[in-house]
Full PDB file with SEQRES, HELIX, SHEET, SSBOND, CRYST1, ORIGX, SCALE, CONECT and MASTER records, all heavy atoms in Angstrom:
SEQRES   1 A   30  LYS GLY PRO ALA MET TRP SER PRO ARG ALA GLN SER ASP          
SEQRES   2 A   30  ARG MET LEU PHE SER ILE LYS TRP ARG GLU TYR LEU GLU          
SEQRES   3 A   30  GLU ASN SER ASN                                              
HELIX    1 AA1 PRO A    3  MET A    5  5                                   3    
HELIX    2 AA2 ARG A   14  GLU A   27  1                                  14    
CRYST1    1.000    1.000    1.000  90.00  90.00  90.00 P 1           1          
ORIGX1      1.000000  0.000000  0.000000        0.00000                         
ORIGX2      0.000000  1.000000  0.000000        0.00000                         
ORIGX3      0.000000  0.000000  1.000000        0.00000                         
SCALE1      1.000000  0.000000  0.000000        0.00000                         
SCALE2      0.000000  1.000000  0.000000        0.00000                         
SCALE3      0.000000  0.000000  1.000000        0.00000                         
ATOM      1  N   LYS A   1     101.169  21.569  83.622  1.00  0.00           N  
ATOM      2  CA  LYS A   1     100.561  20.609  82.705  1.00  0.00           C  
ATOM      3  C   LYS A   1      99.137  20.294  83.157  1.00  0.00           C  
ATOM      4  O   LYS A   1      98.632  20.877  84.105  1.00  0.00           O  
ATOM      5  CB  LYS A   1     101.409  19.336  82.638  1.00  0.00           C  
ATOM      6  CG  LYS A   1     102.833  19.583  82.161  1.00  0.00           C  
ATOM      7  CD  LYS A   1     103.642  18.310  82.104  1.00  0.00           C  
ATOM      8  CE  LYS A   1     105.070  18.591  81.634  1.00  0.00           C  
ATOM      9  NZ  LYS A   1     105.893  17.362  81.576  1.00  0.00           N  
ATOM     10  N   GLY A   2      98.499  19.346  82.475  1.00  0.00           N  
ATOM     11  CA  GLY A   2      97.137  18.963  82.820  1.00  0.00           C  
ATOM     12  C   GLY A   2      97.082  18.219  84.137  1.00  0.00           C  
ATOM     13  O   GLY A   2      98.094  17.707  84.628  1.00  0.00           O  
ATOM     14  N   PRO A   3      95.891  18.124  84.752  1.00  0.00           N  
ATOM     15  CA  PRO A   3      95.758  17.529  86.092  1.00  0.00           C  
ATOM     16  C   PRO A   3      96.154  16.061  86.159  1.00  0.00           C  
ATOM     17  O   PRO A   3      96.465  15.567  87.249  1.00  0.00           O  
ATOM     18  CB  PRO A   3      94.276  17.720  86.416  1.00  0.00           C  
ATOM     19  CG  PRO A   3      93.605  17.906  85.102  1.00  0.00           C  
ATOM     20  CD  PRO A   3      94.608  18.605  84.233  1.00  0.00           C  
ATOM     21  N   ALA A   4      96.145  15.341  85.030  1.00  0.00           N  
ATOM     22  CA  ALA A   4      96.578  13.945  85.053  1.00  0.00           C  
ATOM     23  C   ALA A   4      98.056  13.830  85.391  1.00  0.00           C  
ATOM     24  O   ALA A   4      98.519  12.779  85.829  1.00  0.00           O  
ATOM     25  CB  ALA A   4      96.297  13.285  83.700  1.00  0.00           C  
ATOM     26  N   MET A   5      98.799  14.931  85.188  1.00  0.00           N  
ATOM     27  CA  MET A   5     100.238  14.904  85.415  1.00  0.00           C  
ATOM     28  C   MET A   5     100.629  15.508  86.769  1.00  0.00           C  
ATOM     29  O   MET A   5     101.786  15.405  87.164  1.00  0.00           O  
ATOM     30  CB  MET A   5     100.956  15.672  84.297  1.00  0.00           C  
ATOM     31  CG  MET A   5     100.655  15.159  82.896  1.00  0.00           C  
ATOM     32  SD  MET A   5     101.192  13.461  82.663  1.00  0.00           S  
ATOM     33  CE  MET A   5     102.963  13.685  82.651  1.00  0.00           C  
ATOM     34  N   TRP A   6      99.688  16.154  87.449  1.00  0.00           N  
ATOM     35  CA  TRP A   6     100.030  16.737  88.748  1.00  0.00           C  
ATOM     36  C   TRP A   6     100.418  15.628  89.717  1.00  0.00           C  
ATOM     37  O   TRP A   6      99.732  14.613  89.842  1.00  0.00           O  
ATOM     38  CB  TRP A   6      98.849  17.505  89.326  1.00  0.00           C  
ATOM     39  CG  TRP A   6      98.397  18.663  88.488  1.00  0.00           C  
ATOM     40  CD1 TRP A   6      99.002  19.177  87.382  1.00  0.00           C  
ATOM     41  CD2 TRP A   6      97.225  19.453  88.691  1.00  0.00           C  
ATOM     42  NE1 TRP A   6      98.284  20.227  86.881  1.00  0.00           N  
ATOM     43  CE2 TRP A   6      97.184  20.418  87.665  1.00  0.00           C  
ATOM     44  CE3 TRP A   6      96.203  19.438  89.637  1.00  0.00           C  
ATOM     45  CZ2 TRP A   6      96.163  21.360  87.562  1.00  0.00           C  
ATOM     46  CZ3 TRP A   6      95.191  20.368  89.546  1.00  0.00           C  
ATOM     47  CH2 TRP A   6      95.168  21.327  88.523  1.00  0.00           C  
ATOM     48  N   SER A   7     101.533  15.846  90.409  1.00  0.00           N  
ATOM     49  CA  SER A   7     102.031  14.813  91.318  1.00  0.00           C  
ATOM     50  C   SER A   7     102.584  15.449  92.585  1.00  0.00           C  
ATOM     51  O   SER A   7     103.541  16.228  92.514  1.00  0.00           O  
ATOM     52  CB  SER A   7     103.134  13.980  90.645  1.00  0.00           C  
ATOM     53  OG  SER A   7     102.678  13.385  89.456  1.00  0.00           O  
ATOM     54  N   PRO A   8     102.022  15.143  93.750  1.00  0.00           N  
ATOM     55  CA  PRO A   8     102.568  15.691  94.987  1.00  0.00           C  
ATOM     56  C   PRO A   8     103.890  15.021  95.363  1.00  0.00           C  
ATOM     57  O   PRO A   8     104.099  13.837  95.108  1.00  0.00           O  
ATOM     58  CB  PRO A   8     101.484  15.383  96.020  1.00  0.00           C  
ATOM     59  CG  PRO A   8     100.759  14.194  95.465  1.00  0.00           C  
ATOM     60  CD  PRO A   8     100.837  14.305  93.978  1.00  0.00           C  
ATOM     61  N   ARG A   9     104.781  15.819  95.960  1.00  0.00           N  
ATOM     62  CA  ARG A   9     106.067  15.286  96.424  1.00  0.00           C  
ATOM     63  C   ARG A   9     106.433  15.986  97.724  1.00  0.00           C  
ATOM     64  O   ARG A   9     106.239  17.191  97.859  1.00  0.00           O  
ATOM     65  CB  ARG A   9     107.168  15.506  95.384  1.00  0.00           C  
ATOM     66  CG  ARG A   9     108.512  14.859  95.769  1.00  0.00           C  
ATOM     67  CD  ARG A   9     109.567  15.123  94.693  1.00  0.00           C  
ATOM     68  NE  ARG A   9     110.762  14.336  94.915  1.00  0.00           N  
ATOM     69  CZ  ARG A   9     111.797  14.711  95.673  1.00  0.00           C  
ATOM     70  NH1 ARG A   9     111.745  15.884  96.303  1.00  0.00           N  
ATOM     71  NH2 ARG A   9     112.860  13.946  95.812  1.00  0.00           N  
ATOM     72  N   ALA A  10     106.962  15.246  98.660  1.00  0.00           N  
ATOM     73  CA  ALA A  10     107.310  15.804  99.962  1.00  0.00           C  
ATOM     74  C   ALA A  10     108.689  15.351 100.397  1.00  0.00           C  
ATOM     75  O   ALA A  10     109.053  14.183 100.220  1.00  0.00           O  
ATOM     76  CB  ALA A  10     106.283  15.398 101.012  1.00  0.00           C  
ATOM     77  N   GLN A  11     109.464  16.286 100.945  1.00  0.00           N  
ATOM     78  CA  GLN A  11     110.674  15.924 101.687  1.00  0.00           C  
ATOM     79  C   GLN A  11     110.251  15.589 103.106  1.00  0.00           C  
ATOM     80  O   GLN A  11     109.382  16.272 103.676  1.00  0.00           O  
ATOM     81  CB  GLN A  11     111.656  17.091 101.712  1.00  0.00           C  
ATOM     82  CG  GLN A  11     112.197  17.518 100.359  1.00  0.00           C  
ATOM     83  CD  GLN A  11     113.110  16.494  99.738  1.00  0.00           C  
ATOM     84  OE1 GLN A  11     113.057  16.261  98.532  1.00  0.00           O  
ATOM     85  NE2 GLN A  11     113.937  15.847 100.537  1.00  0.00           N  
ATOM     86  N   SER A  12     110.835  14.562 103.671  1.00  0.00           N  
ATOM     87  CA  SER A  12     110.500  14.157 105.038  1.00  0.00           C  
ATOM     88  C   SER A  12     111.718  14.205 105.942  1.00  0.00           C  
ATOM     89  O   SER A  12     112.862  14.098 105.479  1.00  0.00           O  
ATOM     90  CB  SER A  12     109.939  12.728 105.037  1.00  0.00           C  
ATOM     91  OG  SER A  12     108.611  12.694 104.574  1.00  0.00           O  
ATOM     92  N   ASP A  13     111.459  14.388 107.209  1.00  0.00           N  
ATOM     93  CA  ASP A  13     112.480  14.167 108.220  1.00  0.00           C  
ATOM     94  C   ASP A  13     112.583  12.651 108.384  1.00  0.00           C  
ATOM     95  O   ASP A  13     111.677  12.014 108.923  1.00  0.00           O  
ATOM     96  CB  ASP A  13     112.061  14.838 109.533  1.00  0.00           C  
ATOM     97  CG  ASP A  13     113.115  14.730 110.622  1.00  0.00           C  
ATOM     98  OD1 ASP A  13     113.618  13.604 110.844  1.00  0.00           O  
ATOM     99  OD2 ASP A  13     113.425  15.745 111.264  1.00  0.00           O  
ATOM    100  N   ARG A  14     113.684  12.080 107.928  1.00  0.00           N  
ATOM    101  CA  ARG A  14     113.779  10.627 107.847  1.00  0.00           C  
ATOM    102  C   ARG A  14     113.724   9.947 109.220  1.00  0.00           C  
ATOM    103  O   ARG A  14     113.239   8.819 109.345  1.00  0.00           O  
ATOM    104  CB  ARG A  14     115.033  10.188 107.094  1.00  0.00           C  
ATOM    105  CG  ARG A  14     116.323  10.692 107.665  1.00  0.00           C  
ATOM    106  CD  ARG A  14     117.507  10.406 106.737  1.00  0.00           C  
ATOM    107  NE  ARG A  14     117.759   8.993 106.624  1.00  0.00           N  
ATOM    108  CZ  ARG A  14     118.607   8.339 107.419  1.00  0.00           C  
ATOM    109  NH1 ARG A  14     119.243   8.973 108.385  1.00  0.00           N  
ATOM    110  NH2 ARG A  14     118.820   7.061 107.254  1.00  0.00           N  
ATOM    111  N   MET A  15     114.187  10.628 110.240  1.00  0.00           N  
ATOM    112  CA  MET A  15     114.125  10.037 111.580  1.00  0.00           C  
ATOM    113  C   MET A  15     112.701  10.076 112.139  1.00  0.00           C  
ATOM    114  O   MET A  15     112.219   9.102 112.706  1.00  0.00           O  
ATOM    115  CB  MET A  15     115.109  10.762 112.506  1.00  0.00           C  
ATOM    116  CG  MET A  15     116.560  10.429 112.180  1.00  0.00           C  
ATOM    117  SD  MET A  15     117.775  11.401 113.100  1.00  0.00           S  
ATOM    118  CE  MET A  15     117.774  12.928 112.168  1.00  0.00           C  
ATOM    119  N   LEU A  16     112.010  11.211 111.938  1.00  0.00           N  
ATOM    120  CA  LEU A  16     110.616  11.305 112.370  1.00  0.00           C  
ATOM    121  C   LEU A  16     109.742  10.310 111.613  1.00  0.00           C  
ATOM    122  O   LEU A  16     108.798   9.752 112.166  1.00  0.00           O  
ATOM    123  CB  LEU A  16     110.087  12.724 112.151  1.00  0.00           C  
ATOM    124  CG  LEU A  16     110.540  13.808 113.136  1.00  0.00           C  
ATOM    125  CD1 LEU A  16     109.925  15.147 112.741  1.00  0.00           C  
ATOM    126  CD2 LEU A  16     110.158  13.447 114.559  1.00  0.00           C  
ATOM    127  N   PHE A  17     110.056  10.103 110.336  1.00  0.00           N  
ATOM    128  CA  PHE A  17     109.301   9.160 109.510  1.00  0.00           C  
ATOM    129  C   PHE A  17     109.332   7.763 110.128  1.00  0.00           C  
ATOM    130  O   PHE A  17     108.298   7.104 110.282  1.00  0.00           O  
ATOM    131  CB  PHE A  17     109.898   9.136 108.098  1.00  0.00           C  
ATOM    132  CG  PHE A  17     109.061   8.421 107.074  1.00  0.00           C  
ATOM    133  CD1 PHE A  17     108.174   9.120 106.270  1.00  0.00           C  
ATOM    134  CD2 PHE A  17     109.164   7.048 106.901  1.00  0.00           C  
ATOM    135  CE1 PHE A  17     107.399   8.465 105.316  1.00  0.00           C  
ATOM    136  CE2 PHE A  17     108.400   6.380 105.955  1.00  0.00           C  
ATOM    137  CZ  PHE A  17     107.518   7.096 105.164  1.00  0.00           C  
ATOM    138  N   SER A  18     110.513   7.315 110.496  1.00  0.00           N  
ATOM    139  CA  SER A  18     110.667   5.988 111.089  1.00  0.00           C  
ATOM    140  C   SER A  18     110.016   5.908 112.471  1.00  0.00           C  
ATOM    141  O   SER A  18     109.348   4.920 112.806  1.00  0.00           O  
ATOM    142  CB  SER A  18     112.153   5.636 111.184  1.00  0.00           C  
ATOM    143  OG  SER A  18     112.346   4.353 111.720  1.00  0.00           O  
ATOM    144  N   ILE A  19     110.184   6.961 113.258  1.00  0.00           N  
ATOM    145  CA  ILE A  19     109.609   6.980 114.613  1.00  0.00           C  
ATOM    146  C   ILE A  19     108.090   6.894 114.548  1.00  0.00           C  
ATOM    147  O   ILE A  19     107.454   6.144 115.312  1.00  0.00           O  
ATOM    148  CB  ILE A  19     110.054   8.252 115.362  1.00  0.00           C  
ATOM    149  CG1 ILE A  19     111.551   8.167 115.711  1.00  0.00           C  
ATOM    150  CG2 ILE A  19     109.225   8.460 116.628  1.00  0.00           C  
ATOM    151  CD1 ILE A  19     112.140   9.474 116.203  1.00  0.00           C  
ATOM    152  N   LYS A  20     107.472   7.671 113.648  1.00  0.00           N  
ATOM    153  CA  LYS A  20     106.018   7.676 113.556  1.00  0.00           C  
ATOM    154  C   LYS A  20     105.492   6.327 113.091  1.00  0.00           C  
ATOM    155  O   LYS A  20     104.459   5.852 113.581  1.00  0.00           O  
ATOM    156  CB  LYS A  20     105.551   8.787 112.611  1.00  0.00           C  
ATOM    157  CG  LYS A  20     104.035   9.013 112.628  1.00  0.00           C  
ATOM    158  CD  LYS A  20     103.561   9.439 114.009  1.00  0.00           C  
ATOM    159  CE  LYS A  20     102.077   9.714 114.044  1.00  0.00           C  
ATOM    160  NZ  LYS A  20     101.608  10.080 115.405  1.00  0.00           N  
ATOM    161  N   TRP A  21     106.188   5.701 112.136  1.00  0.00           N  
ATOM    162  CA  TRP A  21     105.764   4.376 111.685  1.00  0.00           C  
ATOM    163  C   TRP A  21     105.769   3.382 112.854  1.00  0.00           C  
ATOM    164  O   TRP A  21     104.842   2.589 113.019  1.00  0.00           O  
ATOM    165  CB  TRP A  21     106.660   3.870 110.567  1.00  0.00           C  
ATOM    166  CG  TRP A  21     105.974   3.787 109.247  1.00  0.00           C  
ATOM    167  CD1 TRP A  21     106.299   4.441 108.099  1.00  0.00           C  
ATOM    168  CD2 TRP A  21     104.827   2.976 108.916  1.00  0.00           C  
ATOM    169  NE1 TRP A  21     105.425   4.106 107.079  1.00  0.00           N  
ATOM    170  CE2 TRP A  21     104.514   3.208 107.559  1.00  0.00           C  
ATOM    171  CE3 TRP A  21     104.036   2.091 109.634  1.00  0.00           C  
ATOM    172  CZ2 TRP A  21     103.454   2.576 106.910  1.00  0.00           C  
ATOM    173  CZ3 TRP A  21     102.971   1.459 108.999  1.00  0.00           C  
ATOM    174  CH2 TRP A  21     102.684   1.705 107.657  1.00  0.00           C  
ATOM    175  N   ARG A  22     106.818   3.436 113.665  1.00  0.00           N  
ATOM    176  CA  ARG A  22     106.884   2.510 114.801  1.00  0.00           C  
ATOM    177  C   ARG A  22     105.744   2.781 115.780  1.00  0.00           C  
ATOM    178  O   ARG A  22     105.155   1.844 116.342  1.00  0.00           O  
ATOM    179  CB  ARG A  22     108.232   2.616 115.508  1.00  0.00           C  
ATOM    180  CG  ARG A  22     108.326   1.665 116.696  1.00  0.00           C  
ATOM    181  CD  ARG A  22     109.739   1.455 117.164  1.00  0.00           C  
ATOM    182  NE  ARG A  22     109.761   0.595 118.347  1.00  0.00           N  
ATOM    183  CZ  ARG A  22     110.852   0.068 118.874  1.00  0.00           C  
ATOM    184  NH1 ARG A  22     112.023   0.312 118.313  1.00  0.00           N  
ATOM    185  NH2 ARG A  22     110.794  -0.690 119.944  1.00  0.00           N  
ATOM    186  N   GLU A  23     105.390   4.054 115.976  1.00  0.00           N  
ATOM    187  CA  GLU A  23     104.272   4.382 116.861  1.00  0.00           C  
ATOM    188  C   GLU A  23     102.983   3.735 116.371  1.00  0.00           C  
ATOM    189  O   GLU A  23     102.232   3.134 117.152  1.00  0.00           O  
ATOM    190  CB  GLU A  23     104.084   5.902 116.934  1.00  0.00           C  
ATOM    191  CG  GLU A  23     105.087   6.614 117.810  1.00  0.00           C  
ATOM    192  CD  GLU A  23     104.809   8.104 117.883  1.00  0.00           C  
ATOM    193  OE1 GLU A  23     103.704   8.532 117.467  1.00  0.00           O  
ATOM    194  OE2 GLU A  23     105.696   8.848 118.343  1.00  0.00           O  
ATOM    195  N   TYR A  24     102.716   3.860 115.085  1.00  0.00           N  
ATOM    196  CA  TYR A  24     101.500   3.257 114.533  1.00  0.00           C  
ATOM    197  C   TYR A  24     101.490   1.745 114.743  1.00  0.00           C  
ATOM    198  O   TYR A  24     100.473   1.152 115.130  1.00  0.00           O  
ATOM    199  CB  TYR A  24     101.386   3.564 113.037  1.00  0.00           C  
ATOM    200  CG  TYR A  24     100.800   4.922 112.721  1.00  0.00           C  
ATOM    201  CD1 TYR A  24     101.457   5.797 111.859  1.00  0.00           C  
ATOM    202  CD2 TYR A  24      99.583   5.323 113.256  1.00  0.00           C  
ATOM    203  CE1 TYR A  24     100.916   7.036 111.550  1.00  0.00           C  
ATOM    204  CE2 TYR A  24      99.041   6.565 112.955  1.00  0.00           C  
ATOM    205  CZ  TYR A  24      99.707   7.415 112.104  1.00  0.00           C  
ATOM    206  OH  TYR A  24      99.164   8.645 111.801  1.00  0.00           O  
ATOM    207  N   LEU A  25     102.624   1.104 114.488  1.00  0.00           N  
ATOM    208  CA  LEU A  25     102.696  -0.349 114.637  1.00  0.00           C  
ATOM    209  C   LEU A  25     102.494  -0.776 116.089  1.00  0.00           C  
ATOM    210  O   LEU A  25     101.792  -1.749 116.376  1.00  0.00           O  
ATOM    211  CB  LEU A  25     104.044  -0.859 114.115  1.00  0.00           C  
ATOM    212  CG  LEU A  25     104.269  -0.734 112.597  1.00  0.00           C  
ATOM    213  CD1 LEU A  25     105.737  -0.893 112.252  1.00  0.00           C  
ATOM    214  CD2 LEU A  25     103.437  -1.765 111.844  1.00  0.00           C  
ATOM    215  N   GLU A  26     103.121  -0.053 117.000  1.00  0.00           N  
ATOM    216  CA  GLU A  26     103.026  -0.423 118.420  1.00  0.00           C  
ATOM    217  C   GLU A  26     101.631  -0.165 118.985  1.00  0.00           C  
ATOM    218  O   GLU A  26     101.237  -0.796 119.973  1.00  0.00           O  
ATOM    219  CB  GLU A  26     104.068   0.357 119.224  1.00  0.00           C  
ATOM    220  CG  GLU A  26     105.501  -0.099 118.954  1.00  0.00           C  
ATOM    221  CD  GLU A  26     106.522   0.655 119.791  1.00  0.00           C  
ATOM    222  OE1 GLU A  26     106.156   1.715 120.362  1.00  0.00           O  
ATOM    223  OE2 GLU A  26     107.669   0.194 119.877  1.00  0.00           O  
ATOM    224  N   GLU A  27     100.881   0.757 118.387  1.00  0.00           N  
ATOM    225  CA  GLU A  27      99.530   1.054 118.865  1.00  0.00           C  
ATOM    226  C   GLU A  27      98.517  -0.005 118.442  1.00  0.00           C  
ATOM    227  O   GLU A  27      97.398  -0.034 118.959  1.00  0.00           O  
ATOM    228  CB  GLU A  27      99.079   2.425 118.340  1.00  0.00           C  
ATOM    229  CG  GLU A  27      99.802   3.607 118.984  1.00  0.00           C  
ATOM    230  CD  GLU A  27      99.531   4.907 118.250  1.00  0.00           C  
ATOM    231  OE1 GLU A  27      98.804   4.881 117.222  1.00  0.00           O  
ATOM    232  OE2 GLU A  27     100.040   5.944 118.694  1.00  0.00           O  
ATOM    233  N   ASN A  28      98.895  -0.887 117.503  1.00  0.00           N  
ATOM    234  CA  ASN A  28      97.955  -1.871 116.971  1.00  0.00           C  
ATOM    235  C   ASN A  28      97.959  -3.121 117.861  1.00  0.00           C  
ATOM    236  O   ASN A  28      98.946  -3.853 117.925  1.00  0.00           O  
ATOM    237  CB  ASN A  28      98.342  -2.235 115.537  1.00  0.00           C  
ATOM    238  CG  ASN A  28      97.209  -2.915 114.790  1.00  0.00           C  
ATOM    239  OD1 ASN A  28      96.567  -3.820 115.319  1.00  0.00           O  
ATOM    240  ND2 ASN A  28      96.964  -2.492 113.563  1.00  0.00           N  
ATOM    241  N   SER A  29      96.844  -3.376 118.516  1.00  0.00           N  
ATOM    242  CA  SER A  29      96.769  -4.480 119.479  1.00  0.00           C  
ATOM    243  C   SER A  29      96.792  -5.854 118.816  1.00  0.00           C  
ATOM    244  O   SER A  29      97.038  -6.862 119.482  1.00  0.00           O  
ATOM    245  CB  SER A  29      95.497  -4.345 120.331  1.00  0.00           C  
ATOM    246  OG  SER A  29      94.342  -4.365 119.500  1.00  0.00           O  
ATOM    247  N   ASN A  30      96.553  -5.920 117.504  1.00  0.00           N  
ATOM    248  CA  ASN A  30      96.598  -7.205 116.787  1.00  0.00           C  
ATOM    249  C   ASN A  30      97.985  -7.537 116.252  1.00  0.00           C  
ATOM    250  O   ASN A  30      98.156  -8.542 115.566  1.00  0.00           O  
ATOM    251  CB  ASN A  30      95.619  -7.186 115.601  1.00  0.00           C  
ATOM    252  CG  ASN A  30      94.189  -7.395 116.030  1.00  0.00           C  
ATOM    253  OD1 ASN A  30      93.925  -7.950 117.090  1.00  0.00           O  
ATOM    254  ND2 ASN A  30      93.255  -6.936 115.220  1.00  0.00           N  
TER     255      ASN A  30                                                      
MASTER        0    0    0    2    0    0    0    6  254    1    0    3          
END                                                                             
């Protein structure tokens, strides 16, 4: 279809997803 309808989609490793989020949060000194 036209570019207005293009939509990226990704399967994630659900455990890695959670681990990486925690890393980002823990790295924030504020």
